[in-house]
Protein backbone atom coordinates (compact mmCIF):
# COMPACT_ATOMS: atom_id res chain seq x y z
CA MET A 1 -42.78 59.18 -29.50
CA HIS A 2 -43.82 61.86 -27.03
CA PRO A 3 -42.89 62.02 -23.37
CA THR A 4 -45.54 60.70 -21.04
CA SER A 5 -45.95 61.74 -17.46
CA ASP A 6 -47.94 61.12 -14.32
CA LEU A 7 -47.56 64.34 -12.40
CA ALA A 8 -49.38 62.97 -9.38
CA SER A 9 -46.66 60.40 -8.78
CA GLY A 10 -43.81 62.57 -10.04
CA TRP A 11 -42.72 60.35 -12.97
CA CYS A 12 -41.89 61.35 -16.55
CA TRP A 13 -40.87 58.82 -19.20
CA THR A 14 -39.35 59.62 -22.60
CA GLN A 15 -38.24 57.02 -25.10
CA GLY A 16 -36.15 58.08 -28.07
CA LEU A 17 -37.45 61.62 -28.48
CA PHE A 18 -34.37 63.34 -27.01
CA ASN A 19 -32.04 61.61 -29.53
CA GLY A 20 -33.19 63.53 -32.58
CA LEU A 21 -33.57 66.98 -31.11
CA LYS A 22 -31.21 69.88 -31.76
CA ASP A 23 -29.46 71.49 -28.75
CA GLY A 24 -32.01 74.28 -28.36
CA GLN A 25 -34.88 71.82 -28.60
CA ARG A 26 -33.28 69.60 -25.94
CA GLU A 27 -32.91 72.57 -23.60
CA ALA A 28 -36.55 73.51 -24.26
CA MET A 29 -37.64 69.95 -23.47
CA GLY A 30 -35.70 70.11 -20.18
CA ARG A 31 -37.36 73.44 -19.29
CA GLU A 32 -40.85 72.15 -20.10
CA ILE A 33 -40.42 69.00 -18.05
CA ASP A 34 -38.95 71.08 -15.22
CA ALA A 35 -41.94 73.44 -15.35
CA VAL A 36 -44.56 70.71 -14.91
CA ALA A 37 -42.72 68.11 -12.82
CA ALA A 38 -43.38 67.60 -9.12
CA ALA A 39 -40.76 68.65 -6.60
CA ASP A 40 -39.73 65.01 -6.07
CA ALA A 41 -40.01 64.03 -9.75
CA THR A 42 -37.99 61.40 -11.57
CA VAL A 43 -37.31 61.41 -15.31
CA LEU A 44 -36.59 58.10 -17.03
CA MET A 45 -35.09 58.45 -20.49
CA ILE A 46 -34.10 55.96 -23.16
CA ALA A 47 -31.43 57.30 -25.56
CA TRP A 48 -28.72 56.15 -27.93
CA PRO A 49 -25.15 57.32 -27.34
CA LYS A 50 -23.72 59.95 -29.65
CA ARG A 51 -21.85 58.58 -32.67
CA ARG A 52 -21.85 58.89 -36.41
CA ARG A 53 -24.78 56.97 -37.89
CA PRO A 54 -27.58 57.69 -40.34
CA LEU A 55 -30.84 59.23 -39.09
CA ILE A 56 -30.20 59.36 -35.33
CA ARG A 57 -27.75 61.80 -33.74
CA GLY A 58 -27.61 60.19 -30.34
CA VAL A 59 -26.79 62.06 -27.16
CA SER A 60 -23.96 62.28 -24.63
CA ARG A 61 -24.26 62.26 -20.86
CA GLY A 62 -23.10 65.86 -20.84
CA GLU A 63 -25.87 66.89 -23.23
CA ILE A 64 -28.48 65.27 -20.99
CA LYS A 65 -27.06 67.06 -17.93
CA SER A 66 -26.96 70.37 -19.82
CA ALA A 67 -30.61 70.10 -20.83
CA PHE A 68 -31.70 69.36 -17.25
CA PRO A 69 -29.98 71.89 -14.95
CA GLY A 70 -31.32 71.46 -11.45
CA TRP A 71 -31.54 67.69 -11.96
CA THR A 72 -29.02 65.00 -11.03
CA LEU A 73 -28.23 62.09 -13.29
CA THR A 74 -28.46 59.36 -10.65
CA ASP A 75 -28.32 56.16 -12.69
CA MET A 76 -27.65 54.92 -16.19
CA GLY A 77 -27.11 51.63 -17.91
CA ALA A 78 -27.51 49.54 -21.02
CA SER A 79 -31.09 48.67 -21.89
CA HIS A 80 -30.01 45.38 -23.53
CA PHE A 81 -32.30 46.18 -26.47
CA LYS A 82 -31.52 44.04 -29.50
CA ALA A 83 -32.66 45.29 -32.89
CA PRO A 84 -32.95 43.07 -35.93
CA LYS A 85 -29.51 42.26 -37.40
CA SER A 86 -29.85 44.66 -40.38
CA ILE A 87 -30.76 47.57 -38.06
CA GLU A 88 -27.90 46.66 -35.68
CA LEU A 89 -25.40 46.77 -38.55
CA LEU A 90 -26.72 50.05 -39.97
CA LEU A 91 -27.53 52.08 -36.84
CA ARG A 92 -25.55 50.43 -34.01
CA PRO A 93 -28.17 51.49 -31.46
CA ASP A 94 -26.45 50.62 -28.14
CA GLU A 95 -29.50 51.97 -26.31
CA HIS A 96 -29.09 53.20 -22.71
CA TRP A 97 -31.49 54.35 -19.99
CA TYR A 98 -30.92 57.37 -17.77
CA ARG A 99 -32.58 58.30 -14.49
CA LEU A 100 -32.66 61.95 -13.39
CA ARG A 101 -33.92 63.30 -10.06
CA ARG A 102 -34.52 66.89 -9.02
CA GLU A 103 -31.69 68.33 -6.90
């Protein structure tokens, strides 16, 4: 899934993309969003926490902050997403949302 944005209102939404990127790709994503985002922009991101699991790396709070210098992680919390039982057992998603605002 690709990030979507509405630059007129200063919102950018990304769901799941950041999870699978390598460090350099995450930093590039942060730079690209930074380059096009309005001065009062907000980024909303859905991501899975970092842990050992097949297919999806996950991400730590520190990795999000590192990819978005000049932004403040203002809020985060559980999304309460529930996957089918077989996916829960295999991937342990524990999905969270993160809100970042320009500093």
